């Protein structure tokens, strides 16, 4: 069985693992959001606030991640 466009067998090609880095990044974001949400709820109970830190902590996490992504993807001079 060969590919009619390239003439190569699909079994001899190297596997493409480009998607694996995105799975890693996604899982890090999910874990980070869950941890900050948990800590925010604990801080709400400790300081007797109603859902203040549960909103602020994940929002700060998202802001910090976005800033680091922009800095990492900017062109170096």
C-alpha atoms as a PDB file:
ATOM      1  CA  UNK A   1       0.000   0.000   0.000  1.00  0.00           C
ATOM      2  CA  UNK A   2       1.548   3.278  -1.105  1.00  0.00           C
ATOM      3  CA  UNK A   3       0.359   6.844  -1.097  1.00  0.00           C
ATOM      4  CA  UNK A   4      -0.586   7.812  -4.668  1.00  0.00           C
ATOM      5  CA  UNK A   5       0.766  11.364  -4.180  1.00  0.00           C
ATOM      6  CA  UNK A   6       4.141  10.667  -2.579  1.00  0.00           C
ATOM      7  CA  UNK A   7       4.688   7.038  -3.547  1.00  0.00           C
ATOM      8  CA  UNK A   8       5.722   6.227   0.027  1.00  0.00           C
ATOM      9  CA  UNK A   9       4.228   3.713   2.362  1.00  0.00           C
ATOM     10  CA  UNK A  10       2.376   5.279   5.339  1.00  0.00           C
ATOM     11  CA  UNK A  11       3.952   2.663   7.601  1.00  0.00           C
ATOM     12  CA  UNK A  12       7.506   3.885   6.916  1.00  0.00           C
ATOM     13  CA  UNK A  13       6.839   7.495   7.877  1.00  0.00           C
ATOM     14  CA  UNK A  14       7.935   8.914  11.218  1.00  0.00           C
ATOM     15  CA  UNK A  15       5.063   9.563  13.637  1.00  0.00           C
ATOM     16  CA  UNK A  16       3.999  13.169  14.125  1.00  0.00           C
ATOM     17  CA  UNK A  17       3.975  14.135  17.804  1.00  0.00           C
ATOM     18  CA  UNK A  18       3.402  17.874  17.273  1.00  0.00           C
ATOM     19  CA  UNK A  19       0.096  17.685  19.138  1.00  0.00           C
ATOM     20  CA  UNK A  20       1.720  16.396  22.326  1.00  0.00           C
ATOM     21  CA  UNK A  21       3.153  19.788  23.318  1.00  0.00           C
ATOM     22  CA  UNK A  22      -0.339  21.294  23.129  1.00  0.00           C
ATOM     23  CA  UNK A  23      -1.731  18.554  25.345  1.00  0.00           C
ATOM     24  CA  UNK A  24       0.987  19.352  27.890  1.00  0.00           C
ATOM     25  CA  UNK A  25       0.261  23.075  27.779  1.00  0.00           C
ATOM     26  CA  UNK A  26      -3.466  22.495  28.095  1.00  0.00           C
ATOM     27  CA  UNK A  27      -3.089  20.211  31.070  1.00  0.00           C
ATOM     28  CA  UNK A  28      -0.788  22.712  32.784  1.00  0.00           C
ATOM     29  CA  UNK A  29      -3.364  25.454  32.290  1.00  0.00           C
ATOM     30  CA  UNK A  30      -6.181  23.305  33.649  1.00  0.00           C
ATOM     31  CA  UNK A  31      -4.166  22.230  36.704  1.00  0.00           C
ATOM     32  CA  UNK A  32      -3.038  25.820  37.326  1.00  0.00           C
ATOM     33  CA  UNK A  33      -6.602  27.105  37.171  1.00  0.00           C
ATOM     34  CA  UNK A  34      -7.857  24.364  39.480  1.00  0.00           C
ATOM     35  CA  UNK A  35      -5.102  25.029  42.023  1.00  0.00           C
ATOM     36  CA  UNK A  36      -5.690  28.780  42.031  1.00  0.00           C
ATOM     37  CA  UNK A  37      -9.446  28.248  42.311  1.00  0.00           C
ATOM     38  CA  UNK A  38      -8.926  25.921  45.272  1.00  0.00           C
ATOM     39  CA  UNK A  39      -6.565  28.365  46.978  1.00  0.00           C
ATOM     40  CA  UNK A  40      -8.964  31.225  46.265  1.00  0.00           C
ATOM     41  CA  UNK A  41     -11.826  29.374  47.942  1.00  0.00           C
ATOM     42  CA  UNK A  42      -9.634  28.601  50.959  1.00  0.00           C
ATOM     43  CA  UNK A  43      -8.650  32.279  51.204  1.00  0.00           C
ATOM     44  CA  UNK A  44     -12.338  33.270  50.960  1.00  0.00           C
ATOM     45  CA  UNK A  45     -13.139  31.067  53.943  1.00  0.00           C
ATOM     46  CA  UNK A  46     -10.121  32.312  55.914  1.00  0.00           C
ATOM     47  CA  UNK A  47     -10.800  36.029  55.323  1.00  0.00           C
ATOM     48  CA  UNK A  48     -14.598  35.599  55.430  1.00  0.00           C
ATOM     49  CA  UNK A  49     -15.094  37.018  51.930  1.00  0.00           C
ATOM     50  CA  UNK A  50     -17.763  35.875  49.502  1.00  0.00           C
ATOM     51  CA  UNK A  51     -16.146  34.605  46.248  1.00  0.00           C
ATOM     52  CA  UNK A  52     -13.601  37.426  46.057  1.00  0.00           C
ATOM     53  CA  UNK A  53     -10.373  35.424  46.022  1.00  0.00           C
ATOM     54  CA  UNK A  54     -12.032  32.608  44.048  1.00  0.00           C
ATOM     55  CA  UNK A  55     -12.343  35.109  41.174  1.00  0.00           C
ATOM     56  CA  UNK A  56      -9.146  37.095  41.696  1.00  0.00           C
ATOM     57  CA  UNK A  57      -6.665  34.201  41.963  1.00  0.00           C
ATOM     58  CA  UNK A  58      -7.601  32.454  38.661  1.00  0.00           C
ATOM     59  CA  UNK A  59      -7.851  35.825  36.912  1.00  0.00           C
ATOM     60  CA  UNK A  60      -4.321  36.731  38.003  1.00  0.00           C
ATOM     61  CA  UNK A  61      -3.120  33.308  36.876  1.00  0.00           C
ATOM     62  CA  UNK A  62      -4.616  33.809  33.402  1.00  0.00           C
ATOM     63  CA  UNK A  63      -3.120  37.308  33.177  1.00  0.00           C
ATOM     64  CA  UNK A  64       0.344  36.079  34.171  1.00  0.00           C
ATOM     65  CA  UNK A  65       0.182  33.185  31.690  1.00  0.00           C
ATOM     66  CA  UNK A  66      -0.863  35.512  28.864  1.00  0.00           C
ATOM     67  CA  UNK A  67       1.965  37.926  29.652  1.00  0.00           C
ATOM     68  CA  UNK A  68       4.505  35.100  29.685  1.00  0.00           C
ATOM     69  CA  UNK A  69       3.204  33.737  26.364  1.00  0.00           C
ATOM     70  CA  UNK A  70       3.489  37.164  24.736  1.00  0.00           C
ATOM     71  CA  UNK A  71       7.020  37.637  26.069  1.00  0.00           C
ATOM     72  CA  UNK A  72       8.084  34.160  24.932  1.00  0.00           C
ATOM     73  CA  UNK A  73       6.714  34.585  21.425  1.00  0.00           C
ATOM     74  CA  UNK A  74       8.071  38.061  20.732  1.00  0.00           C
ATOM     75  CA  UNK A  75      10.913  38.274  18.268  1.00  0.00           C
ATOM     76  CA  UNK A  76      14.336  38.668  19.819  1.00  0.00           C
ATOM     77  CA  UNK A  77      16.359  41.698  18.713  1.00  0.00           C
END
